[in-house]
C-alpha cells in the first residue's frame, strides 16, 4: 500500500501582501474562489492540496485539519466531525472507534452548496453566516475532490485540550486523529 501525505499549512498574518475581502484567487487546478473571510484561509490551502492530491488517482483521500470553530460548537471539545463519501466516512468512524477517538459522522447537505456560490468566481470561501459552518467547510472542500473517495476530518476542538488530562488525552496539544489515521490504514492494509 502506498501512502502519500500533502501538508497544507497556512499562517494567517497581516501584511501588505495579505489577502483582502473580495479578492478572487485561483486554486490549483483552475477553480476561482472569492475570499469573503480572510480568517477562513485554511480551507483555501486545503483546496489546493486536495486538487493536487486527486491528480495521482488515489484509492482514497483523507484530509484532517483544525478547520472550523464551528466544529466545537456542533460537537464540543472531545468529539471530531467527519464528512465525505458515505463509505469512506463510515470507514473513518469505524477506525476511530477501534482507536478510541470519538468521531461523529456529519452530512454534506446539498442545500449548503447554494451558500458558497459566487457572482464573481466559481465559489466563495464562506457560506451562510447563520449556522452550519463546519458542514459548509466540508461542502467547500468537496468541490476539489471530484469523484475520488474522500473524507474530511475536522478536529478543531479535540486537537487541543485546555482542561485537565483525561483517558489517554493529555493537557495541551493532543495528537487527536493520529491513532484513527493509523487504524484506518491498518484496516485497509488487511483487506
C-alpha atoms as a PDB file:
ATOM      1  CA  UNK A   1       0.000   0.000   0.000  1.00  0.00           C
ATOM      2  CA  UNK A   2       1.317   3.438  -0.937  1.00  0.00           C
ATOM      3  CA  UNK A   3       0.567   6.418   1.311  1.00  0.00           C
ATOM      4  CA  UNK A   4       1.290   9.987   0.236  1.00  0.00           C
ATOM      5  CA  UNK A   5       0.992  12.977   2.533  1.00  0.00           C
ATOM      6  CA  UNK A   6       0.386  16.554   1.469  1.00  0.00           C
ATOM      7  CA  UNK A   7       0.929  19.253   4.096  1.00  0.00           C
ATOM      8  CA  UNK A   8      -1.454  22.154   3.548  1.00  0.00           C
ATOM      9  CA  UNK A   9      -0.416  24.814   6.013  1.00  0.00           C
ATOM     10  CA  UNK A  10      -1.267  28.478   6.387  1.00  0.00           C
ATOM     11  CA  UNK A  11      -0.323  31.224   8.766  1.00  0.00           C
ATOM     12  CA  UNK A  12      -2.871  33.976   8.972  1.00  0.00           C
ATOM     13  CA  UNK A  13      -0.683  37.059   9.401  1.00  0.00           C
ATOM     14  CA  UNK A  14      -1.402  40.625   8.275  1.00  0.00           C
ATOM     15  CA  UNK A  15       0.962  42.280   5.808  1.00  0.00           C
ATOM     16  CA  UNK A  16       0.966  44.491   2.769  1.00  0.00           C
ATOM     17  CA  UNK A  17       0.532  41.423   0.570  1.00  0.00           C
ATOM     18  CA  UNK A  18      -2.166  39.701   2.653  1.00  0.00           C
ATOM     19  CA  UNK A  19      -5.456  38.650   1.088  1.00  0.00           C
ATOM     20  CA  UNK A  20      -8.273  41.124   1.379  1.00  0.00           C
ATOM     21  CA  UNK A  21     -12.023  40.535   1.479  1.00  0.00           C
ATOM     22  CA  UNK A  22     -13.341  40.382  -2.101  1.00  0.00           C
ATOM     23  CA  UNK A  23     -10.039  39.128  -3.566  1.00  0.00           C
ATOM     24  CA  UNK A  24     -10.519  36.386  -6.156  1.00  0.00           C
ATOM     25  CA  UNK A  25      -7.840  33.709  -6.176  1.00  0.00           C
ATOM     26  CA  UNK A  26      -7.194  30.754  -8.457  1.00  0.00           C
ATOM     27  CA  UNK A  27      -6.905  27.395  -6.693  1.00  0.00           C
ATOM     28  CA  UNK A  28      -4.545  24.730  -8.021  1.00  0.00           C
ATOM     29  CA  UNK A  29      -6.413  23.039 -10.851  1.00  0.00           C
ATOM     30  CA  UNK A  30      -8.087  26.239 -12.014  1.00  0.00           C
ATOM     31  CA  UNK A  31     -11.202  26.942  -9.931  1.00  0.00           C
ATOM     32  CA  UNK A  32     -11.562  30.507  -8.722  1.00  0.00           C
ATOM     33  CA  UNK A  33     -12.599  31.437  -5.193  1.00  0.00           C
ATOM     34  CA  UNK A  34     -13.881  34.759  -3.909  1.00  0.00           C
ATOM     35  CA  UNK A  35     -12.383  35.383  -0.472  1.00  0.00           C
ATOM     36  CA  UNK A  36     -15.157  36.686   1.770  1.00  0.00           C
ATOM     37  CA  UNK A  37     -13.457  35.897   5.063  1.00  0.00           C
ATOM     38  CA  UNK A  38      -9.672  36.092   5.298  1.00  0.00           C
ATOM     39  CA  UNK A  39      -9.844  34.086   8.548  1.00  0.00           C
ATOM     40  CA  UNK A  40     -11.023  31.068   6.522  1.00  0.00           C
ATOM     41  CA  UNK A  41      -7.593  30.657   4.949  1.00  0.00           C
ATOM     42  CA  UNK A  42      -7.198  27.002   5.935  1.00  0.00           C
ATOM     43  CA  UNK A  43      -9.826  25.801   3.517  1.00  0.00           C
ATOM     44  CA  UNK A  44      -8.074  27.673   0.702  1.00  0.00           C
ATOM     45  CA  UNK A  45      -4.766  25.839   1.158  1.00  0.00           C
ATOM     46  CA  UNK A  46      -6.682  22.582   1.748  1.00  0.00           C
ATOM     47  CA  UNK A  47      -8.424  23.128  -1.600  1.00  0.00           C
ATOM     48  CA  UNK A  48      -5.025  23.450  -3.303  1.00  0.00           C
ATOM     49  CA  UNK A  49      -3.784  20.272  -1.622  1.00  0.00           C
ATOM     50  CA  UNK A  50      -6.912  18.269  -2.414  1.00  0.00           C
ATOM     51  CA  UNK A  51      -6.927  19.361  -6.061  1.00  0.00           C
ATOM     52  CA  UNK A  52      -3.297  18.270  -6.352  1.00  0.00           C
ATOM     53  CA  UNK A  53      -3.741  15.020  -4.420  1.00  0.00           C
ATOM     54  CA  UNK A  54      -6.555  13.728  -6.616  1.00  0.00           C
ATOM     55  CA  UNK A  55      -4.351  14.116  -9.705  1.00  0.00           C
ATOM     56  CA  UNK A  56      -2.484  10.992  -8.532  1.00  0.00           C
ATOM     57  CA  UNK A  57      -5.715   8.933  -8.826  1.00  0.00           C
ATOM     58  CA  UNK A  58      -5.542   7.592  -5.259  1.00  0.00           C
ATOM     59  CA  UNK A  59      -7.871   4.915  -3.925  1.00  0.00           C
ATOM     60  CA  UNK A  60      -8.954   7.338  -1.197  1.00  0.00           C
ATOM     61  CA  UNK A  61      -8.134  10.819   0.099  1.00  0.00           C
ATOM     62  CA  UNK A  62      -8.387  11.747   3.756  1.00  0.00           C
ATOM     63  CA  UNK A  63      -7.825  15.291   4.922  1.00  0.00           C
ATOM     64  CA  UNK A  64      -7.535  16.227   8.569  1.00  0.00           C
ATOM     65  CA  UNK A  65      -7.479  19.767   9.899  1.00  0.00           C
ATOM     66  CA  UNK A  66      -8.287  22.079  12.758  1.00  0.00           C
ATOM     67  CA  UNK A  67     -10.507  23.799  10.235  1.00  0.00           C
ATOM     68  CA  UNK A  68     -13.508  25.419  11.906  1.00  0.00           C
ATOM     69  CA  UNK A  69     -14.519  26.788  15.261  1.00  0.00           C
ATOM     70  CA  UNK A  70     -17.989  25.613  14.271  1.00  0.00           C
ATOM     71  CA  UNK A  71     -16.829  22.018  14.849  1.00  0.00           C
ATOM     72  CA  UNK A  72     -16.560  22.735  18.572  1.00  0.00           C
ATOM     73  CA  UNK A  73     -19.937  24.476  18.616  1.00  0.00           C
ATOM     74  CA  UNK A  74     -21.561  21.441  16.994  1.00  0.00           C
ATOM     75  CA  UNK A  75     -19.722  18.602  18.753  1.00  0.00           C
ATOM     76  CA  UNK A  76     -17.872  20.014  21.739  1.00  0.00           C
ATOM     77  CA  UNK A  77     -14.278  19.623  22.811  1.00  0.00           C
ATOM     78  CA  UNK A  78     -13.871  15.838  22.683  1.00  0.00           C
ATOM     79  CA  UNK A  79     -15.679  14.704  19.517  1.00  0.00           C
ATOM     80  CA  UNK A  80     -14.484  15.478  15.995  1.00  0.00           C
ATOM     81  CA  UNK A  81     -16.618  15.587  12.861  1.00  0.00           C
ATOM     82  CA  UNK A  82     -16.118  13.542   9.716  1.00  0.00           C
ATOM     83  CA  UNK A  83     -17.768  14.270   6.367  1.00  0.00           C
ATOM     84  CA  UNK A  84     -17.315  12.816   2.902  1.00  0.00           C
ATOM     85  CA  UNK A  85     -18.172   9.867   0.719  1.00  0.00           C
ATOM     86  CA  UNK A  86     -20.575   7.675   2.709  1.00  0.00           C
ATOM     87  CA  UNK A  87     -18.405   4.553   2.591  1.00  0.00           C
ATOM     88  CA  UNK A  88     -15.162   6.366   3.496  1.00  0.00           C
ATOM     89  CA  UNK A  89     -16.894   8.341   6.256  1.00  0.00           C
ATOM     90  CA  UNK A  90     -18.116   5.022   7.707  1.00  0.00           C
ATOM     91  CA  UNK A  91     -14.611   3.515   7.473  1.00  0.00           C
ATOM     92  CA  UNK A  92     -13.196   6.505   9.352  1.00  0.00           C
ATOM     93  CA  UNK A  93     -15.834   6.256  12.082  1.00  0.00           C
ATOM     94  CA  UNK A  94     -15.094   2.510  12.438  1.00  0.00           C
ATOM     95  CA  UNK A  95     -11.346   3.155  12.622  1.00  0.00           C
ATOM     96  CA  UNK A  96     -11.909   5.941  15.151  1.00  0.00           C
ATOM     97  CA  UNK A  97     -13.977   3.606  17.327  1.00  0.00           C
ATOM     98  CA  UNK A  98     -11.218   0.992  17.242  1.00  0.00           C
ATOM     99  CA  UNK A  99      -8.665   3.721  18.071  1.00  0.00           C
ATOM    100  CA  UNK A 100     -10.798   5.113  20.935  1.00  0.00           C
ATOM    101  CA  UNK A 101     -11.043   8.571  19.331  1.00  0.00           C
ATOM    102  CA  UNK A 102     -14.614   9.875  19.089  1.00  0.00           C
ATOM    103  CA  UNK A 103     -15.597  10.991  15.579  1.00  0.00           C
ATOM    104  CA  UNK A 104     -19.185  11.723  14.620  1.00  0.00           C
ATOM    105  CA  UNK A 105     -20.422  11.264  11.029  1.00  0.00           C
ATOM    106  CA  UNK A 106     -21.744  14.518   9.608  1.00  0.00           C
ATOM    107  CA  UNK A 107     -23.657  15.168   6.357  1.00  0.00           C
ATOM    108  CA  UNK A 108     -22.727  17.286   3.369  1.00  0.00           C
ATOM    109  CA  UNK A 109     -26.151  18.831   2.693  1.00  0.00           C
ATOM    110  CA  UNK A 110     -26.758  19.815  -0.932  1.00  0.00           C
ATOM    111  CA  UNK A 111     -28.623  22.977   0.094  1.00  0.00           C
ATOM    112  CA  UNK A 112     -25.398  24.416   1.559  1.00  0.00           C
ATOM    113  CA  UNK A 113     -23.859  24.494  -1.951  1.00  0.00           C
ATOM    114  CA  UNK A 114     -26.144  27.413  -2.702  1.00  0.00           C
ATOM    115  CA  UNK A 115     -24.396  29.414   0.034  1.00  0.00           C
ATOM    116  CA  UNK A 116     -20.931  29.039  -1.498  1.00  0.00           C
ATOM    117  CA  UNK A 117     -21.921  30.239  -4.965  1.00  0.00           C
ATOM    118  CA  UNK A 118     -20.228  33.458  -6.027  1.00  0.00           C
ATOM    119  CA  UNK A 119     -21.246  36.089  -8.556  1.00  0.00           C
ATOM    120  CA  UNK A 120     -17.623  36.786  -9.497  1.00  0.00           C
ATOM    121  CA  UNK A 121     -15.872  33.393  -9.094  1.00  0.00           C
ATOM    122  CA  UNK A 122     -16.602  29.685  -9.198  1.00  0.00           C
ATOM    123  CA  UNK A 123     -17.053  29.622  -5.402  1.00  0.00           C
ATOM    124  CA  UNK A 124     -16.774  31.770  -2.314  1.00  0.00           C
ATOM    125  CA  UNK A 125     -14.926  30.619   0.786  1.00  0.00           C
ATOM    126  CA  UNK A 126     -17.805  31.226   3.202  1.00  0.00           C
ATOM    127  CA  UNK A 127     -21.464  30.292   3.296  1.00  0.00           C
ATOM    128  CA  UNK A 128     -24.475  31.291   5.364  1.00  0.00           C
ATOM    129  CA  UNK A 129     -23.246  33.114   8.486  1.00  0.00           C
ATOM    130  CA  UNK A 130     -26.220  31.821  10.473  1.00  0.00           C
ATOM    131  CA  UNK A 131     -25.006  28.282  11.026  1.00  0.00           C
ATOM    132  CA  UNK A 132     -23.662  25.083   9.568  1.00  0.00           C
ATOM    133  CA  UNK A 133     -20.099  26.406   9.378  1.00  0.00           C
ATOM    134  CA  UNK A 134     -18.430  23.008   9.753  1.00  0.00           C
ATOM    135  CA  UNK A 135     -20.703  21.461   7.132  1.00  0.00           C
ATOM    136  CA  UNK A 136     -20.214  24.392   4.755  1.00  0.00           C
ATOM    137  CA  UNK A 137     -16.436  23.978   5.003  1.00  0.00           C
ATOM    138  CA  UNK A 138     -16.884  20.306   4.108  1.00  0.00           C
ATOM    139  CA  UNK A 139     -19.128  21.175   1.154  1.00  0.00           C
ATOM    140  CA  UNK A 140     -16.497  23.689   0.001  1.00  0.00           C
ATOM    141  CA  UNK A 141     -13.690  21.108   0.184  1.00  0.00           C
ATOM    142  CA  UNK A 142     -15.801  18.506  -1.608  1.00  0.00           C
ATOM    143  CA  UNK A 143     -15.687  20.759  -4.678  1.00  0.00           C
ATOM    144  CA  UNK A 144     -11.995  19.897  -5.103  1.00  0.00           C
ATOM    145  CA  UNK A 145     -12.046  16.085  -4.913  1.00  0.00           C
ATOM    146  CA  UNK A 146     -14.342  15.240  -7.815  1.00  0.00           C
ATOM    147  CA  UNK A 147     -15.340  11.563  -7.759  1.00  0.00           C
ATOM    148  CA  UNK A 148     -12.385  10.454  -5.621  1.00  0.00           C
ATOM    149  CA  UNK A 149     -13.487   8.596  -2.467  1.00  0.00           C
ATOM    150  CA  UNK A 150     -12.786  11.132   0.277  1.00  0.00           C
ATOM    151  CA  UNK A 151     -13.349  12.161   3.869  1.00  0.00           C
ATOM    152  CA  UNK A 152     -12.695  15.418   5.700  1.00  0.00           C
ATOM    153  CA  UNK A 153     -11.893  15.139   9.423  1.00  0.00           C
ATOM    154  CA  UNK A 154     -12.447  18.395  11.345  1.00  0.00           C
ATOM    155  CA  UNK A 155     -10.555  18.075  14.632  1.00  0.00           C
ATOM    156  CA  UNK A 156     -10.550  21.750  15.658  1.00  0.00           C
ATOM    157  CA  UNK A 157     -11.505  21.403  19.331  1.00  0.00           C
ATOM    158  CA  UNK A 158     -10.236  17.880  20.172  1.00  0.00           C
ATOM    159  CA  UNK A 159      -6.773  18.813  18.831  1.00  0.00           C
ATOM    160  CA  UNK A 160      -6.019  20.947  21.895  1.00  0.00           C
ATOM    161  CA  UNK A 161      -7.180  20.108  25.409  1.00  0.00           C
ATOM    162  CA  UNK A 162      -7.423  23.266  27.505  1.00  0.00           C
ATOM    163  CA  UNK A 163      -8.526  21.278  30.550  1.00  0.00           C
ATOM    164  CA  UNK A 164      -7.093  18.509  32.660  1.00  0.00           C
ATOM    165  CA  UNK A 165      -5.835  15.280  31.107  1.00  0.00           C
ATOM    166  CA  UNK A 166      -8.435  12.521  30.686  1.00  0.00           C
ATOM    167  CA  UNK A 167      -8.132   8.958  29.406  1.00  0.00           C
ATOM    168  CA  UNK A 168      -5.194   8.895  27.002  1.00  0.00           C
ATOM    169  CA  UNK A 169      -5.641  12.608  26.222  1.00  0.00           C
ATOM    170  CA  UNK A 170      -3.004  14.939  27.680  1.00  0.00           C
ATOM    171  CA  UNK A 171      -3.429  18.603  28.511  1.00  0.00           C
ATOM    172  CA  UNK A 172      -2.335  20.819  25.627  1.00  0.00           C
ATOM    173  CA  UNK A 173      -1.787  19.515  22.088  1.00  0.00           C
ATOM    174  CA  UNK A 174      -3.384  16.065  21.899  1.00  0.00           C
ATOM    175  CA  UNK A 175      -2.361  14.490  18.593  1.00  0.00           C
ATOM    176  CA  UNK A 176      -6.057  13.727  18.114  1.00  0.00           C
ATOM    177  CA  UNK A 177      -6.731  11.846  14.903  1.00  0.00           C
ATOM    178  CA  UNK A 178      -3.306  10.218  14.510  1.00  0.00           C
ATOM    179  CA  UNK A 179      -4.477   6.922  16.017  1.00  0.00           C
ATOM    180  CA  UNK A 180      -7.564   6.990  13.791  1.00  0.00           C
ATOM    181  CA  UNK A 181      -5.479   7.534  10.652  1.00  0.00           C
ATOM    182  CA  UNK A 182      -3.162   4.653  11.547  1.00  0.00           C
ATOM    183  CA  UNK A 183      -6.098   2.374  12.336  1.00  0.00           C
ATOM    184  CA  UNK A 184      -7.741   3.341   9.025  1.00  0.00           C
ATOM    185  CA  UNK A 185      -4.543   2.365   7.193  1.00  0.00           C
ATOM    186  CA  UNK A 186      -4.230  -0.901   9.143  1.00  0.00           C
ATOM    187  CA  UNK A 187      -7.813  -1.831   8.262  1.00  0.00           C
ATOM    188  CA  UNK A 188      -7.241  -1.041   4.575  1.00  0.00           C
ATOM    189  CA  UNK A 189      -3.953  -2.983   4.513  1.00  0.00           C
ATOM    190  CA  UNK A 190      -5.736  -6.018   5.995  1.00  0.00           C
ATOM    191  CA  UNK A 191      -8.199  -6.258   3.113  1.00  0.00           C
END
